[in-house]
Amino acid sequence: MRRVAIPISPRALNAAERALLVHILSVEFAGAAELRSQIEQVEVTAIRTSHSVSVDFRVREPLRRATALTNLVPVDAHVLDGAGEYLGEVLVWIEDGALAGLEYAWVTDDMPTRLPEIASIRLRSN
């Protein structure tokens, strides 16, 4: 379940957020096309904690909603280091068929200060 976030003035996706969404949503699954069509309408509306790279979204209307999806995009996006060690994963949240957030869930001792590079992510449909 998602945590309460810190609201911010709405802003466009930054390059790293956009790249991760495009990459993760490149995997085919029911509803992927609808979610891909929402990327240009996404605004970041909150951060998870004061120094977090995880963000919440809202999608401006009009939008094509993805149906038959749960709260998460059905793609495993595992983050690995150069030696192949698991560092965490990137989760894409959905609410009412719309993109709702991007979360970097890490397992390291220190909170990440930036989102992972695309090259370090291994995708798998689940």
C-alpha atoms as a PDB file:
ATOM      1  CA  MET A   1       0.000   0.000   0.000  1.00  0.00           C
ATOM      2  CA  ARG A   2       1.224   3.491  -0.857  1.00  0.00           C
ATOM      3  CA  ARG A   3       2.197   5.908   1.885  1.00  0.00           C
ATOM      4  CA  VAL A   4       1.051   9.478   2.379  1.00  0.00           C
ATOM      5  CA  ALA A   5       3.268  11.797   0.365  1.00  0.00           C
ATOM      6  CA  ILE A   6       4.401  15.438   0.581  1.00  0.00           C
ATOM      7  CA  PRO A   7       2.446  17.585  -1.910  1.00  0.00           C
ATOM      8  CA  ILE A   8       4.434  19.802  -4.298  1.00  0.00           C
ATOM      9  CA  SER A   9       3.454  22.315  -6.964  1.00  0.00           C
ATOM     10  CA  PRO A  10       2.572  20.181  -9.992  1.00  0.00           C
ATOM     11  CA  ARG A  11       5.425  19.815 -12.468  1.00  0.00           C
ATOM     12  CA  ALA A  12       6.181  17.911 -15.634  1.00  0.00           C
ATOM     13  CA  LEU A  13       8.048  14.605 -15.481  1.00  0.00           C
ATOM     14  CA  ASN A  14      11.814  15.015 -15.434  1.00  0.00           C
ATOM     15  CA  ALA A  15      13.943  13.114 -17.952  1.00  0.00           C
ATOM     16  CA  ALA A  16      14.714  10.207 -15.594  1.00  0.00           C
ATOM     17  CA  GLU A  17      11.071   9.736 -14.561  1.00  0.00           C
ATOM     18  CA  ARG A  18       9.914   9.836 -18.185  1.00  0.00           C
ATOM     19  CA  ALA A  19      12.617   7.388 -19.306  1.00  0.00           C
ATOM     20  CA  LEU A  20      11.690   4.890 -16.580  1.00  0.00           C
ATOM     21  CA  LEU A  21       7.984   5.061 -17.397  1.00  0.00           C
ATOM     22  CA  VAL A  22       8.623   4.600 -21.113  1.00  0.00           C
ATOM     23  CA  HIS A  23      10.990   1.696 -20.418  1.00  0.00           C
ATOM     24  CA  ILE A  24       8.715  -0.143 -17.975  1.00  0.00           C
ATOM     25  CA  LEU A  25       5.602   0.431 -20.076  1.00  0.00           C
ATOM     26  CA  SER A  26       7.387  -0.952 -23.162  1.00  0.00           C
ATOM     27  CA  VAL A  27       6.514  -4.427 -21.848  1.00  0.00           C
ATOM     28  CA  GLU A  28       3.236  -5.661 -23.349  1.00  0.00           C
ATOM     29  CA  PHE A  29       0.374  -6.426 -20.960  1.00  0.00           C
ATOM     30  CA  ALA A  30      -3.351  -5.732 -20.900  1.00  0.00           C
ATOM     31  CA  GLY A  31      -3.721  -1.963 -20.451  1.00  0.00           C
ATOM     32  CA  ALA A  32      -0.144  -1.056 -21.442  1.00  0.00           C
ATOM     33  CA  ALA A  33      -1.220   0.941 -24.519  1.00  0.00           C
ATOM     34  CA  GLU A  34      -3.631   3.023 -22.446  1.00  0.00           C
ATOM     35  CA  LEU A  35      -0.978   3.726 -19.808  1.00  0.00           C
ATOM     36  CA  ARG A  36       1.603   4.645 -22.482  1.00  0.00           C
ATOM     37  CA  SER A  37      -0.904   7.128 -23.931  1.00  0.00           C
ATOM     38  CA  GLN A  38      -1.067   8.888 -20.542  1.00  0.00           C
ATOM     39  CA  ILE A  39       2.652   9.719 -20.237  1.00  0.00           C
ATOM     40  CA  GLU A  40       2.375  13.093 -21.998  1.00  0.00           C
ATOM     41  CA  GLN A  41      -0.406  14.124 -19.598  1.00  0.00           C
ATOM     42  CA  VAL A  42       1.322  13.156 -16.340  1.00  0.00           C
ATOM     43  CA  GLU A  43       2.104  15.766 -13.709  1.00  0.00           C
ATOM     44  CA  VAL A  44       4.165  15.044 -10.603  1.00  0.00           C
ATOM     45  CA  THR A  45       2.137  16.188  -7.594  1.00  0.00           C
ATOM     46  CA  ALA A  46       4.019  14.822  -4.565  1.00  0.00           C
ATOM     47  CA  ILE A  47       7.240  13.258  -3.321  1.00  0.00           C
ATOM     48  CA  ARG A  48       7.296  10.365  -0.840  1.00  0.00           C
ATOM     49  CA  THR A  49       9.677  11.979   1.681  1.00  0.00           C
ATOM     50  CA  SER A  50      11.729  15.152   1.703  1.00  0.00           C
ATOM     51  CA  HIS A  51      14.685  13.597  -0.160  1.00  0.00           C
ATOM     52  CA  SER A  52      12.909  10.786  -1.980  1.00  0.00           C
ATOM     53  CA  VAL A  53      13.172  10.038  -5.701  1.00  0.00           C
ATOM     54  CA  SER A  54       9.756   8.326  -5.539  1.00  0.00           C
ATOM     55  CA  VAL A  55       6.870  10.496  -6.724  1.00  0.00           C
ATOM     56  CA  ASP A  56       3.101  10.567  -7.082  1.00  0.00           C
ATOM     57  CA  PHE A  57       1.299  11.584 -10.270  1.00  0.00           C
ATOM     58  CA  ARG A  58      -1.948  12.833 -11.601  1.00  0.00           C
ATOM     59  CA  VAL A  59      -2.928  12.442 -15.243  1.00  0.00           C
ATOM     60  CA  ARG A  60      -4.667  15.397 -16.854  1.00  0.00           C
ATOM     61  CA  GLU A  61      -7.969  14.745 -18.630  1.00  0.00           C
ATOM     62  CA  PRO A  62      -8.930  13.565 -21.130  1.00  0.00           C
ATOM     63  CA  LEU A  63      -7.297  10.193 -20.727  1.00  0.00           C
ATOM     64  CA  ARG A  64      -7.776   6.610 -21.828  1.00  0.00           C
ATOM     65  CA  ARG A  65      -8.047   4.543 -18.660  1.00  0.00           C
ATOM     66  CA  ALA A  66      -6.507   1.094 -18.438  1.00  0.00           C
ATOM     67  CA  THR A  67      -9.029  -1.482 -17.310  1.00  0.00           C
ATOM     68  CA  ALA A  68      -8.560  -4.820 -15.559  1.00  0.00           C
ATOM     69  CA  LEU A  69      -5.382  -3.746 -13.755  1.00  0.00           C
ATOM     70  CA  THR A  70      -4.655  -3.869 -10.041  1.00  0.00           C
ATOM     71  CA  ASN A  71      -2.762  -1.132  -8.179  1.00  0.00           C
ATOM     72  CA  LEU A  72       0.590  -1.951  -9.806  1.00  0.00           C
ATOM     73  CA  VAL A  73       1.776  -2.313 -13.379  1.00  0.00           C
ATOM     74  CA  PRO A  74       2.356  -6.071 -13.882  1.00  0.00           C
ATOM     75  CA  VAL A  75       6.054  -5.727 -14.695  1.00  0.00           C
ATOM     76  CA  ASP A  76       9.005  -6.650 -12.504  1.00  0.00           C
ATOM     77  CA  ALA A  77      11.590  -3.882 -12.915  1.00  0.00           C
ATOM     78  CA  HIS A  78      14.550  -5.138 -10.878  1.00  0.00           C
ATOM     79  CA  VAL A  79      17.498  -2.798 -10.340  1.00  0.00           C
ATOM     80  CA  LEU A  80      20.882  -4.526 -10.442  1.00  0.00           C
ATOM     81  CA  ASP A  81      24.395  -3.225  -9.886  1.00  0.00           C
ATOM     82  CA  GLY A  82      27.298  -3.886 -12.282  1.00  0.00           C
ATOM     83  CA  ALA A  83      27.938  -7.288 -10.661  1.00  0.00           C
ATOM     84  CA  GLY A  84      24.296  -8.332 -11.030  1.00  0.00           C
ATOM     85  CA  GLU A  85      23.431  -7.840  -7.350  1.00  0.00           C
ATOM     86  CA  TYR A  86      19.824  -6.908  -6.610  1.00  0.00           C
ATOM     87  CA  LEU A  87      19.521  -3.303  -5.354  1.00  0.00           C
ATOM     88  CA  GLY A  88      15.745  -2.942  -5.438  1.00  0.00           C
ATOM     89  CA  GLU A  89      12.939  -2.446  -7.905  1.00  0.00           C
ATOM     90  CA  VAL A  90      10.912   0.260  -9.581  1.00  0.00           C
ATOM     91  CA  LEU A  91       7.146   0.114  -9.100  1.00  0.00           C
ATOM     92  CA  VAL A  92       4.605   1.962 -11.236  1.00  0.00           C
ATOM     93  CA  TRP A  93       1.390   2.603  -9.323  1.00  0.00           C
ATOM     94  CA  ILE A  94      -2.062   2.836 -10.908  1.00  0.00           C
ATOM     95  CA  GLU A  95      -5.321   4.255  -9.538  1.00  0.00           C
ATOM     96  CA  ASP A  96      -8.621   3.981 -11.398  1.00  0.00           C
ATOM     97  CA  GLY A  97      -6.818   3.019 -14.605  1.00  0.00           C
ATOM     98  CA  ALA A  98      -4.471   6.015 -14.524  1.00  0.00           C
ATOM     99  CA  LEU A  99      -0.764   6.318 -13.765  1.00  0.00           C
ATOM    100  CA  ALA A 100      -0.496   7.323 -10.115  1.00  0.00           C
ATOM    101  CA  GLY A 101       3.143   7.074  -9.056  1.00  0.00           C
ATOM    102  CA  LEU A 102       6.700   5.881  -9.534  1.00  0.00           C
ATOM    103  CA  GLU A 103       8.474   4.278  -6.593  1.00  0.00           C
ATOM    104  CA  TYR A 104      12.082   3.178  -6.249  1.00  0.00           C
ATOM    105  CA  ALA A 105      11.979   0.505  -3.539  1.00  0.00           C
ATOM    106  CA  TRP A 106      15.590  -0.118  -2.525  1.00  0.00           C
ATOM    107  CA  VAL A 107      17.184  -2.773  -0.300  1.00  0.00           C
ATOM    108  CA  THR A 108      20.511  -1.035   0.296  1.00  0.00           C
ATOM    109  CA  ASP A 109      21.524   0.742   3.523  1.00  0.00           C
ATOM    110  CA  ASP A 110      21.312   4.242   2.031  1.00  0.00           C
ATOM    111  CA  MET A 111      18.315   5.838   0.357  1.00  0.00           C
ATOM    112  CA  PRO A 112      19.020   6.456  -3.347  1.00  0.00           C
ATOM    113  CA  THR A 113      19.574  10.082  -4.330  1.00  0.00           C
ATOM    114  CA  ARG A 114      18.560   9.524  -7.946  1.00  0.00           C
ATOM    115  CA  LEU A 115      16.499   7.102  -9.976  1.00  0.00           C
ATOM    116  CA  PRO A 116      18.324   4.119 -11.458  1.00  0.00           C
ATOM    117  CA  GLU A 117      19.715   4.187 -14.995  1.00  0.00           C
ATOM    118  CA  ILE A 118      17.729   2.278 -17.605  1.00  0.00           C
ATOM    119  CA  ALA A 119      20.740   0.024 -18.277  1.00  0.00           C
ATOM    120  CA  SER A 120      20.624  -1.260 -14.684  1.00  0.00           C
ATOM    121  CA  ILE A 121      16.987  -2.395 -14.887  1.00  0.00           C
ATOM    122  CA  ARG A 122      15.901  -5.907 -15.876  1.00  0.00           C
ATOM    123  CA  LEU A 123      12.272  -6.120 -16.975  1.00  0.00           C
ATOM    124  CA  ARG A 124      10.014  -9.126 -16.803  1.00  0.00           C
ATOM    125  CA  SER A 125       6.272  -9.374 -17.240  1.00  0.00           C
ATOM    126  CA  ASN A 126       4.634 -10.970 -14.228  1.00  0.00           C
END
